[in-house]
Amino acid sequence: MPKKQKFPHLIGSKWTAVQETFGWRHFVVVNRKNEGELVFAEIKAACDDSVRFWLNAKALKRQSLWLPGWKTLTEM
């Protein structure tokens, strides 16, 4: 039986950073990379294609850092 993929719907998901990150709050996952047991997500700023970085996908589960979807400041 094949192993269940971690974070199966990662690509295309939208996230809001609780604190501004590289000057932006809204991001989209554009790529994923499996490194052994770890899963990394490449995310880019929704309004600036030049702002891209990789992070451990587990960090997206920390509500103190990231919120799923795009949230307004009042929703946060």
Protein backbone atom coordinates (compact mmCIF):
# COMPACT_ATOMS: atom_id res chain seq x y z
CA MET A 1 0.00 0.00 0.00
CA PRO A 2 1.51 3.38 -1.00
CA LYS A 3 2.38 5.94 1.67
CA LYS A 4 -0.13 8.71 2.25
CA GLN A 5 1.21 12.02 0.93
CA LYS A 6 1.70 14.74 3.54
CA PHE A 7 0.04 18.06 2.67
CA PRO A 8 -1.74 16.75 -0.47
CA HIS A 9 -3.47 20.06 -1.34
CA LEU A 10 -0.51 22.33 -0.71
CA ILE A 11 0.07 23.75 -4.21
CA GLY A 12 -2.31 26.60 -4.98
CA SER A 13 -3.30 27.11 -1.35
CA LYS A 14 -3.54 30.69 -0.09
CA TRP A 15 -2.11 31.94 3.21
CA THR A 16 -2.02 35.12 5.26
CA ALA A 17 1.07 35.90 7.31
CA VAL A 18 0.21 37.18 10.79
CA GLN A 19 3.24 39.52 10.60
CA GLU A 20 4.34 41.21 7.39
CA THR A 21 6.82 38.98 5.60
CA PHE A 22 9.13 40.67 3.08
CA GLY A 23 6.63 43.55 3.09
CA TRP A 24 3.56 41.42 2.28
CA ARG A 25 0.87 39.42 4.07
CA HIS A 26 -0.90 37.42 1.33
CA PHE A 27 0.87 34.45 -0.25
CA VAL A 28 0.21 31.50 -2.57
CA VAL A 29 2.02 28.15 -2.54
CA VAL A 30 3.52 27.63 -6.00
CA ASN A 31 5.74 24.57 -5.49
CA ARG A 32 6.50 21.77 -3.04
CA LYS A 33 9.59 19.70 -2.35
CA ASN A 34 9.92 16.49 -0.34
CA GLU A 35 13.22 16.14 1.52
CA GLY A 36 13.05 12.79 3.29
CA GLU A 37 10.37 13.11 5.97
CA LEU A 38 10.12 16.90 5.54
CA VAL A 39 7.88 18.78 3.12
CA PHE A 40 8.84 22.27 2.00
CA ALA A 41 6.58 24.81 0.32
CA GLU A 42 7.71 27.56 -2.04
CA ILE A 43 5.44 30.51 -1.53
CA LYS A 44 5.21 33.79 -3.40
CA ALA A 45 3.59 37.07 -2.51
CA ALA A 46 0.21 37.45 -4.17
CA CYS A 47 1.01 40.98 -5.38
CA ASP A 48 4.73 40.64 -6.16
CA ASP A 49 6.06 37.68 -8.16
CA SER A 50 9.64 38.56 -7.23
CA VAL A 51 9.02 37.77 -3.54
CA ARG A 52 9.45 34.00 -3.22
CA PHE A 53 10.86 31.79 -0.48
CA TRP A 54 10.84 28.22 0.81
CA LEU A 55 9.62 27.20 4.24
CA ASN A 56 8.88 24.00 6.08
CA ALA A 57 5.21 23.23 5.37
CA LYS A 58 4.68 22.41 9.06
CA ALA A 59 5.13 26.12 9.79
CA LEU A 60 1.88 26.80 7.93
CA LYS A 61 0.02 24.89 10.66
CA ARG A 62 1.17 27.39 13.32
CA GLN A 63 -1.69 29.87 13.70
CA SER A 64 0.64 32.27 15.47
CA LEU A 65 2.49 32.65 12.13
CA TRP A 66 0.08 31.75 9.28
CA LEU A 67 -3.68 31.76 8.70
CA PRO A 68 -5.32 29.75 5.89
CA GLY A 69 -6.86 31.82 3.11
CA TRP A 70 -6.51 35.54 2.62
CA LYS A 71 -7.66 37.49 5.67
CA THR A 72 -8.17 41.22 6.12
CA LEU A 73 -6.60 42.99 9.08
CA THR A 74 -9.98 43.15 10.80
CA GLU A 75 -10.49 39.38 10.36
CA MET A 76 -7.13 38.70 11.98
